Amino acid sequence: MPKKSPTEASPVAHFEQSLEELEQLVEKMETGDLSLEQSLSAYERGVGLYRQCQQALEQAELRVRLLSDPARPETAEPFDPPSHDG
């Protein structure tokens, strides 16, 4: 049986898909057109997607820290994107 690559099994690989699905669920719920049962199902699915996204972000941060300083990832500085204030 062929092995999956680490990125295929990782939540990081599916982050964008999960985030997009979560955004679509929020839009549906905001319209107010769902029944109570549909709303509860959408909310439950949304919580699961949110947790997947959170886990993916945590794993991505850990990977960046390991790349920044493999010997001491706990001392790596958080990445701050450059400001575009002009």
PDB file of N, CA and C in Angstrom:
ATOM      1  N   MET A   1       0.842  -1.188   0.000  1.00  0.00           N
ATOM      2  CA  MET A   1       0.000   0.000   0.000  1.00  0.00           C
ATOM      3  C   MET A   1       0.881   1.243   0.000  1.00  0.00           C
ATOM      4  N   PRO A   2       0.644   2.203  -0.909  1.00  0.00           N
ATOM      5  CA  PRO A   2       1.479   3.407  -0.958  1.00  0.00           C
ATOM      6  C   PRO A   2       1.251   4.292   0.257  1.00  0.00           C
ATOM      7  N   LYS A   3       2.347   4.871   0.722  1.00  0.00           N
ATOM      8  CA  LYS A   3       2.257   5.768   1.876  1.00  0.00           C
ATOM      9  C   LYS A   3       1.827   7.149   1.426  1.00  0.00           C
ATOM     10  N   LYS A   4       1.101   7.822   2.315  1.00  0.00           N
ATOM     11  CA  LYS A   4       0.724   9.213   2.059  1.00  0.00           C
ATOM     12  C   LYS A   4       1.893  10.097   2.441  1.00  0.00           C
ATOM     13  N   SER A   5       2.075  11.177   1.714  1.00  0.00           N
ATOM     14  CA  SER A   5       3.108  12.129   2.107  1.00  0.00           C
ATOM     15  C   SER A   5       2.631  12.871   3.346  1.00  0.00           C
ATOM     16  N   PRO A   6       3.562  13.416   4.153  1.00  0.00           N
ATOM     17  CA  PRO A   6       3.157  14.118   5.372  1.00  0.00           C
ATOM     18  C   PRO A   6       2.202  15.278   5.117  1.00  0.00           C
ATOM     19  N   THR A   7       2.337  15.958   3.976  1.00  0.00           N
ATOM     20  CA  THR A   7       1.462  17.094   3.712  1.00  0.00           C
ATOM     21  C   THR A   7       0.039  16.653   3.402  1.00  0.00           C
ATOM     22  N   GLU A   8      -0.141  15.451   2.835  1.00  0.00           N
ATOM     23  CA  GLU A   8      -1.489  14.973   2.535  1.00  0.00           C
ATOM     24  C   GLU A   8      -2.253  14.652   3.814  1.00  0.00           C
ATOM     25  N   ALA A   9      -1.575  14.116   4.812  1.00  0.00           N
ATOM     26  CA  ALA A   9      -2.233  13.728   6.048  1.00  0.00           C
ATOM     27  C   ALA A   9      -2.399  14.912   6.995  1.00  0.00           C
ATOM     28  N   SER A  10      -1.701  15.978   6.743  1.00  0.00           N
ATOM     29  CA  SER A  10      -1.684  17.125   7.637  1.00  0.00           C
ATOM     30  C   SER A  10      -2.886  18.042   7.422  1.00  0.00           C
ATOM     31  N   PRO A  11      -3.436  18.593   8.527  1.00  0.00           N
ATOM     32  CA  PRO A  11      -4.506  19.586   8.383  1.00  0.00           C
ATOM     33  C   PRO A  11      -4.057  20.823   7.619  1.00  0.00           C
ATOM     34  N   VAL A  12      -2.750  21.091   7.612  1.00  0.00           N
ATOM     35  CA  VAL A  12      -2.227  22.253   6.901  1.00  0.00           C
ATOM     36  C   VAL A  12      -2.560  22.159   5.412  1.00  0.00           C
ATOM     37  N   ALA A  13      -2.501  20.950   4.870  1.00  0.00           N
ATOM     38  CA  ALA A  13      -2.767  20.760   3.452  1.00  0.00           C
ATOM     39  C   ALA A  13      -4.206  21.091   3.078  1.00  0.00           C
ATOM     40  N   HIS A  14      -5.125  20.985   4.024  1.00  0.00           N
ATOM     41  CA  HIS A  14      -6.542  21.206   3.744  1.00  0.00           C
ATOM     42  C   HIS A  14      -7.068  22.502   4.347  1.00  0.00           C
ATOM     43  N   PHE A  15      -6.181  23.365   4.804  1.00  0.00           N
ATOM     44  CA  PHE A  15      -6.587  24.589   5.493  1.00  0.00           C
ATOM     45  C   PHE A  15      -7.494  25.459   4.634  1.00  0.00           C
ATOM     46  N   GLU A  16      -7.069  25.757   3.426  1.00  0.00           N
ATOM     47  CA  GLU A  16      -7.849  26.669   2.574  1.00  0.00           C
ATOM     48  C   GLU A  16      -9.223  26.103   2.255  1.00  0.00           C
ATOM     49  N   GLN A  17      -9.284  24.808   2.000  1.00  0.00           N
ATOM     50  CA  GLN A  17     -10.571  24.170   1.704  1.00  0.00           C
ATOM     51  C   GLN A  17     -11.492  24.250   2.917  1.00  0.00           C
ATOM     52  N   SER A  18     -10.959  23.972   4.103  1.00  0.00           N
ATOM     53  CA  SER A  18     -11.762  24.036   5.326  1.00  0.00           C
ATOM     54  C   SER A  18     -12.226  25.459   5.594  1.00  0.00           C
ATOM     55  N   LEU A  19     -11.339  26.423   5.399  1.00  0.00           N
ATOM     56  CA  LEU A  19     -11.683  27.820   5.634  1.00  0.00           C
ATOM     57  C   LEU A  19     -12.772  28.283   4.672  1.00  0.00           C
ATOM     58  N   GLU A  20     -12.668  27.882   3.414  1.00  0.00           N
ATOM     59  CA  GLU A  20     -13.678  28.260   2.425  1.00  0.00           C
ATOM     60  C   GLU A  20     -15.038  27.666   2.777  1.00  0.00           C
ATOM     61  N   GLU A  21     -15.035  26.398   3.182  1.00  0.00           N
ATOM     62  CA  GLU A  21     -16.298  25.755   3.565  1.00  0.00           C
ATOM     63  C   GLU A  21     -16.898  26.439   4.791  1.00  0.00           C
ATOM     64  N   LEU A  22     -16.041  26.815   5.738  1.00  0.00           N
ATOM     65  CA  LEU A  22     -16.506  27.511   6.936  1.00  0.00           C
ATOM     66  C   LEU A  22     -17.136  28.856   6.572  1.00  0.00           C
ATOM     67  N   GLU A  23     -16.502  29.585   5.674  1.00  0.00           N
ATOM     68  CA  GLU A  23     -17.056  30.878   5.242  1.00  0.00           C
ATOM     69  C   GLU A  23     -18.408  30.702   4.566  1.00  0.00           C
ATOM     70  N   GLN A  24     -18.570  29.659   3.759  1.00  0.00           N
ATOM     71  CA  GLN A  24     -19.846  29.402   3.093  1.00  0.00           C
ATOM     72  C   GLN A  24     -20.937  29.063   4.105  1.00  0.00           C
ATOM     73  N   LEU A  25     -20.574  28.283   5.133  1.00  0.00           N
ATOM     74  CA  LEU A  25     -21.548  27.960   6.182  1.00  0.00           C
ATOM     75  C   LEU A  25     -22.008  29.213   6.911  1.00  0.00           C
ATOM     76  N   VAL A  26     -21.077  30.090   7.217  1.00  0.00           N
ATOM     77  CA  VAL A  26     -21.419  31.334   7.917  1.00  0.00           C
ATOM     78  C   VAL A  26     -22.372  32.168   7.067  1.00  0.00           C
ATOM     79  N   GLU A  27     -22.082  32.265   5.765  1.00  0.00           N
ATOM     80  CA  GLU A  27     -22.962  33.031   4.879  1.00  0.00           C
ATOM     81  C   GLU A  27     -24.377  32.451   4.867  1.00  0.00           C
ATOM     82  N   LYS A  28     -24.493  31.121   4.800  1.00  0.00           N
ATOM     83  CA  LYS A  28     -25.809  30.475   4.801  1.00  0.00           C
ATOM     84  C   LYS A  28     -26.553  30.769   6.101  1.00  0.00           C
ATOM     85  N   MET A  29     -25.823  30.693   7.206  1.00  0.00           N
ATOM     86  CA  MET A  29     -26.467  30.915   8.502  1.00  0.00           C
ATOM     87  C   MET A  29     -26.885  32.373   8.667  1.00  0.00           C
ATOM     88  N   GLU A  30     -26.122  33.293   8.115  1.00  0.00           N
ATOM     89  CA  GLU A  30     -26.447  34.715   8.235  1.00  0.00           C
ATOM     90  C   GLU A  30     -27.696  35.108   7.447  1.00  0.00           C
ATOM     91  N   THR A  31     -28.045  34.351   6.417  1.00  0.00           N
ATOM     92  CA  THR A  31     -29.232  34.688   5.627  1.00  0.00           C
ATOM     93  C   THR A  31     -30.511  34.447   6.413  1.00  0.00           C
ATOM     94  N   GLY A  32     -30.451  33.539   7.383  1.00  0.00           N
ATOM     95  CA  GLY A  32     -31.636  33.246   8.194  1.00  0.00           C
ATOM     96  C   GLY A  32     -32.625  32.340   7.493  1.00  0.00           C
ATOM     97  N   ASP A  33     -32.253  31.746   6.376  1.00  0.00           N
ATOM     98  CA  ASP A  33     -33.167  30.894   5.615  1.00  0.00           C
ATOM     99  C   ASP A  33     -33.132  29.425   6.047  1.00  0.00           C
ATOM    100  N   LEU A  34     -32.252  29.064   6.982  1.00  0.00           N
ATOM    101  CA  LEU A  34     -32.133  27.675   7.398  1.00  0.00           C
ATOM    102  C   LEU A  34     -33.129  27.368   8.519  1.00  0.00           C
ATOM    103  N   SER A  35     -33.597  26.133   8.530  1.00  0.00           N
ATOM    104  CA  SER A  35     -34.444  25.694   9.645  1.00  0.00           C
ATOM    105  C   SER A  35     -33.566  25.544  10.882  1.00  0.00           C
ATOM    106  N   LEU A  36     -34.194  25.350  12.012  1.00  0.00           N
ATOM    107  CA  LEU A  36     -33.442  25.162  13.250  1.00  0.00           C
ATOM    108  C   LEU A  36     -32.517  23.956  13.133  1.00  0.00           C
ATOM    109  N   GLU A  37     -33.035  22.861  12.618  1.00  0.00           N
ATOM    110  CA  GLU A  37     -32.226  21.643  12.470  1.00  0.00           C
ATOM    111  C   GLU A  37     -31.047  21.884  11.530  1.00  0.00           C
ATOM    112  N   GLN A  38     -31.288  22.574  10.411  1.00  0.00           N
ATOM    113  CA  GLN A  38     -30.218  22.888   9.471  1.00  0.00           C
ATOM    114  C   GLN A  38     -29.184  23.826  10.112  1.00  0.00           C
ATOM    115  N   SER A  39     -29.655  24.775  10.890  1.00  0.00           N
ATOM    116  CA  SER A  39     -28.760  25.705  11.573  1.00  0.00           C
ATOM    117  C   SER A  39     -27.868  24.977  12.573  1.00  0.00           C
ATOM    118  N   LEU A  40     -28.477  24.056  13.330  1.00  0.00           N
ATOM    119  CA  LEU A  40     -27.690  23.288  14.292  1.00  0.00           C
ATOM    120  C   LEU A  40     -26.648  22.425  13.593  1.00  0.00           C
ATOM    121  N   SER A  41     -27.036  21.803  12.492  1.00  0.00           N
ATOM    122  CA  SER A  41     -26.089  20.980  11.727  1.00  0.00           C
ATOM    123  C   SER A  41     -24.954  21.838  11.164  1.00  0.00           C
ATOM    124  N   ALA A  42     -25.323  23.008  10.629  1.00  0.00           N
ATOM    125  CA  ALA A  42     -24.319  23.911  10.075  1.00  0.00           C
ATOM    126  C   ALA A  42     -23.376  24.409  11.165  1.00  0.00           C
ATOM    127  N   TYR A  43     -23.932  24.720  12.341  1.00  0.00           N
ATOM    128  CA  TYR A  43     -23.108  25.181  13.459  1.00  0.00           C
ATOM    129  C   TYR A  43     -22.138  24.088  13.899  1.00  0.00           C
ATOM    130  N   GLU A  44     -22.650  22.865  14.006  1.00  0.00           N
ATOM    131  CA  GLU A  44     -21.813  21.739  14.410  1.00  0.00           C
ATOM    132  C   GLU A  44     -20.677  21.522  13.407  1.00  0.00           C
ATOM    133  N   ARG A  45     -21.004  21.566  12.135  1.00  0.00           N
ATOM    134  CA  ARG A  45     -19.982  21.399  11.092  1.00  0.00           C
ATOM    135  C   ARG A  45     -18.987  22.564  11.162  1.00  0.00           C
ATOM    136  N   GLY A  46     -19.475  23.759  11.394  1.00  0.00           N
ATOM    137  CA  GLY A  46     -18.618  24.933  11.484  1.00  0.00           C
ATOM    138  C   GLY A  46     -17.627  24.844  12.626  1.00  0.00           C
ATOM    139  N   VAL A  47     -18.069  24.333  13.772  1.00  0.00           N
ATOM    140  CA  VAL A  47     -17.166  24.170  14.910  1.00  0.00           C
ATOM    141  C   VAL A  47     -16.054  23.181  14.554  1.00  0.00           C
ATOM    142  N   GLY A  48     -16.427  22.098  13.887  1.00  0.00           N
ATOM    143  CA  GLY A  48     -15.419  21.122  13.457  1.00  0.00           C
ATOM    144  C   GLY A  48     -14.421  21.730  12.488  1.00  0.00           C
ATOM    145  N   LEU A  49     -14.916  22.508  11.537  1.00  0.00           N
ATOM    146  CA  LEU A  49     -14.032  23.155  10.575  1.00  0.00           C
ATOM    147  C   LEU A  49     -13.125  24.176  11.253  1.00  0.00           C
ATOM    148  N   TYR A  50     -13.687  24.931  12.203  1.00  0.00           N
ATOM    149  CA  TYR A  50     -12.890  25.911  12.938  1.00  0.00           C
ATOM    150  C   TYR A  50     -11.735  25.226  13.668  1.00  0.00           C
ATOM    151  N   ARG A  51     -12.040  24.097  14.304  1.00  0.00           N
ATOM    152  CA  ARG A  51     -10.994  23.362  15.020  1.00  0.00           C
ATOM    153  C   ARG A  51      -9.923  22.851  14.058  1.00  0.00           C
ATOM    154  N   GLN A  52     -10.338  22.378  12.883  1.00  0.00           N
ATOM    155  CA  GLN A  52      -9.367  21.915  11.884  1.00  0.00           C
ATOM    156  C   GLN A  52      -8.462  23.063  11.447  1.00  0.00           C
ATOM    157  N   CYS A  53      -9.048  24.228  11.222  1.00  0.00           N
ATOM    158  CA  CYS A  53      -8.267  25.395  10.807  1.00  0.00           C
ATOM    159  C   CYS A  53      -7.292  25.813  11.908  1.00  0.00           C
ATOM    160  N   GLN A  54      -7.765  25.815  13.141  1.00  0.00           N
ATOM    161  CA  GLN A  54      -6.911  26.190  14.268  1.00  0.00           C
ATOM    162  C   GLN A  54      -5.739  25.227  14.384  1.00  0.00           C
ATOM    163  N   GLN A  55      -6.009  23.935  14.248  1.00  0.00           N
ATOM    164  CA  GLN A  55      -4.956  22.929  14.325  1.00  0.00           C
ATOM    165  C   GLN A  55      -3.961  23.103  13.178  1.00  0.00           C
ATOM    166  N   ALA A  56      -4.458  23.401  11.994  1.00  0.00           N
ATOM    167  CA  ALA A  56      -3.583  23.618  10.847  1.00  0.00           C
ATOM    168  C   ALA A  56      -2.665  24.811  11.082  1.00  0.00           C
ATOM    169  N   LEU A  57      -3.209  25.892  11.636  1.00  0.00           N
ATOM    170  CA  LEU A  57      -2.388  27.070  11.916  1.00  0.00           C
ATOM    171  C   LEU A  57      -1.316  26.767  12.957  1.00  0.00           C
ATOM    172  N   GLU A  58      -1.666  26.014  13.979  1.00  0.00           N
ATOM    173  CA  GLU A  58      -0.698  25.637  15.005  1.00  0.00           C
ATOM    174  C   GLU A  58       0.416  24.777  14.416  1.00  0.00           C
ATOM    175  N   GLN A  59       0.056  23.832  13.547  1.00  0.00           N
ATOM    176  CA  GLN A  59       1.065  22.985  12.917  1.00  0.00           C
ATOM    177  C   GLN A  59       1.961  23.790  11.986  1.00  0.00           C
ATOM    178  N   ALA A  60       1.366  24.724  11.248  1.00  0.00           N
ATOM    179  CA  ALA A  60       2.158  25.563  10.344  1.00  0.00           C
ATOM    180  C   ALA A  60       3.139  26.410  11.148  1.00  0.00           C
ATOM    181  N   GLU A  61       2.674  26.967  12.265  1.00  0.00           N
ATOM    182  CA  GLU A  61       3.562  27.774  13.107  1.00  0.00           C
ATOM    183  C   GLU A  61       4.711  26.926  13.634  1.00  0.00           C
ATOM    184  N   LEU A  62       4.424  25.704  14.068  1.00  0.00           N
ATOM    185  CA  LEU A  62       5.472  24.829  14.558  1.00  0.00           C
ATOM    186  C   LEU A  62       6.486  24.523  13.467  1.00  0.00           C
ATOM    187  N   ARG A  63       6.010  24.269  12.258  1.00  0.00           N
ATOM    188  CA  ARG A  63       6.916  23.984  11.146  1.00  0.00           C
ATOM    189  C   ARG A  63       7.816  25.178  10.858  1.00  0.00           C
ATOM    190  N   VAL A  64       7.266  26.387  10.922  1.00  0.00           N
ATOM    191  CA  VAL A  64       8.074  27.592  10.689  1.00  0.00           C
ATOM    192  C   VAL A  64       9.121  27.733  11.789  1.00  0.00           C
ATOM    193  N   ARG A  65       8.723  27.495  13.023  1.00  0.00           N
ATOM    194  CA  ARG A  65       9.669  27.579  14.146  1.00  0.00           C
ATOM    195  C   ARG A  65      10.798  26.559  13.987  1.00  0.00           C
ATOM    196  N   LEU A  66      10.453  25.348  13.585  1.00  0.00           N
ATOM    197  CA  LEU A  66      11.471  24.322  13.389  1.00  0.00           C
ATOM    198  C   LEU A  66      12.430  24.697  12.263  1.00  0.00           C
ATOM    199  N   LEU A  67      11.910  25.322  11.229  1.00  0.00           N
ATOM    200  CA  LEU A  67      12.775  25.752  10.131  1.00  0.00           C
ATOM    201  C   LEU A  67      13.648  26.936  10.538  1.00  0.00           C
ATOM    202  N   SER A  68      13.114  27.804  11.389  1.00  0.00           N
ATOM    203  CA  SER A  68      13.853  28.987  11.820  1.00  0.00           C
ATOM    204  C   SER A  68      15.059  28.606  12.671  1.00  0.00           C
ATOM    205  N   ASP A  69      14.877  27.670  13.590  1.00  0.00           N
ATOM    206  CA  ASP A  69      15.944  27.251  14.488  1.00  0.00           C
ATOM    207  C   ASP A  69      15.675  25.817  14.921  1.00  0.00           C
ATOM    208  N   PRO A  70      16.109  24.841  14.117  1.00  0.00           N
ATOM    209  CA  PRO A  70      15.794  23.444  14.404  1.00  0.00           C
ATOM    210  C   PRO A  70      16.274  22.977  15.779  1.00  0.00           C
ATOM    211  N   ALA A  71      17.353  23.554  16.284  1.00  0.00           N
ATOM    212  CA  ALA A  71      17.879  23.118  17.570  1.00  0.00           C
ATOM    213  C   ALA A  71      17.067  23.671  18.741  1.00  0.00           C
ATOM    214  N   ARG A  72      16.472  24.857  18.552  1.00  0.00           N
ATOM    215  CA  ARG A  72      15.737  25.511  19.649  1.00  0.00           C
ATOM    216  C   ARG A  72      14.475  26.179  19.118  1.00  0.00           C
ATOM    217  N   PRO A  73      13.462  25.400  18.726  1.00  0.00           N
ATOM    218  CA  PRO A  73      12.238  25.996  18.158  1.00  0.00           C
ATOM    219  C   PRO A  73      11.489  26.880  19.142  1.00  0.00           C
ATOM    220  N   GLU A  74      11.651  26.633  20.451  1.00  0.00           N
ATOM    221  CA  GLU A  74      10.922  27.429  21.437  1.00  0.00           C
ATOM    222  C   GLU A  74      11.432  28.860  21.520  1.00  0.00           C
ATOM    223  N   THR A  75      12.635  29.131  21.008  1.00  0.00           N
ATOM    224  CA  THR A  75      13.181  30.492  21.062  1.00  0.00           C
ATOM    225  C   THR A  75      12.950  31.263  19.769  1.00  0.00           C
ATOM    226  N   ALA A  76      12.352  30.628  18.782  1.00  0.00           N
ATOM    227  CA  ALA A  76      12.118  31.303  17.500  1.00  0.00           C
ATOM    228  C   ALA A  76      11.162  32.473  17.693  1.00  0.00           C
ATOM    229  N   GLU A  77      11.425  33.544  16.999  1.00  0.00           N
ATOM    230  CA  GLU A  77      10.576  34.732  17.066  1.00  0.00           C
ATOM    231  C   GLU A  77       9.362  34.535  16.168  1.00  0.00           C
ATOM    232  N   PRO A  78       8.182  35.015  16.578  1.00  0.00           N
ATOM    233  CA  PRO A  78       7.012  34.932  15.704  1.00  0.00           C
ATOM    234  C   PRO A  78       7.234  35.763  14.443  1.00  0.00           C
ATOM    235  N   PHE A  79       6.690  35.295  13.353  1.00  0.00           N
ATOM    236  CA  PHE A  79       6.804  35.994  12.087  1.00  0.00           C
ATOM    237  C   PHE A  79       5.817  37.152  12.038  1.00  0.00           C
ATOM    238  N   ASP A  80       6.321  38.343  11.826  1.00  0.00           N
ATOM    239  CA  ASP A  80       5.472  39.524  11.659  1.00  0.00           C
ATOM    240  C   ASP A  80       5.647  40.044  10.240  1.00  0.00           C
ATOM    241  N   PRO A  81       4.591  40.011   9.424  1.00  0.00           N
ATOM    242  CA  PRO A  81       4.723  40.518   8.055  1.00  0.00           C
ATOM    243  C   PRO A  81       5.031  42.015   8.069  1.00  0.00           C
ATOM    244  N   PRO A  82       5.738  42.493   7.042  1.00  0.00           N
ATOM    245  CA  PRO A  82       6.065  43.921   6.995  1.00  0.00           C
ATOM    246  C   PRO A  82       4.804  44.771   6.905  1.00  0.00           C
ATOM    247  N   SER A  83       4.866  45.925   7.510  1.00  0.00           N
ATOM    248  CA  SER A  83       3.737  46.849   7.515  1.00  0.00           C
ATOM    249  C   SER A  83       3.644  47.551   6.173  1.00  0.00           C
ATOM    250  N   HIS A  84       2.437  47.800   5.711  1.00  0.00           N
ATOM    251  CA  HIS A  84       2.207  48.504   4.440  1.00  0.00           C
ATOM    252  C   HIS A  84       1.639  49.878   4.691  1.00  0.00           C
ATOM    253  N   ASP A  85       2.070  50.535   5.757  1.00  0.00           N
ATOM    254  CA  ASP A  85       1.522  51.835   6.117  1.00  0.00           C
ATOM    255  C   ASP A  85       2.083  52.977   5.294  1.00  0.00           C
ATOM    256  N   GLY A  86       3.053  52.687   4.449  1.00  0.00           N
ATOM    257  CA  GLY A  86       3.510  53.735   3.552  1.00  0.00           C
ATOM    258  C   GLY A  86       4.757  54.312   3.983  1.00  0.00           C
TER     259      GLY A  86
END
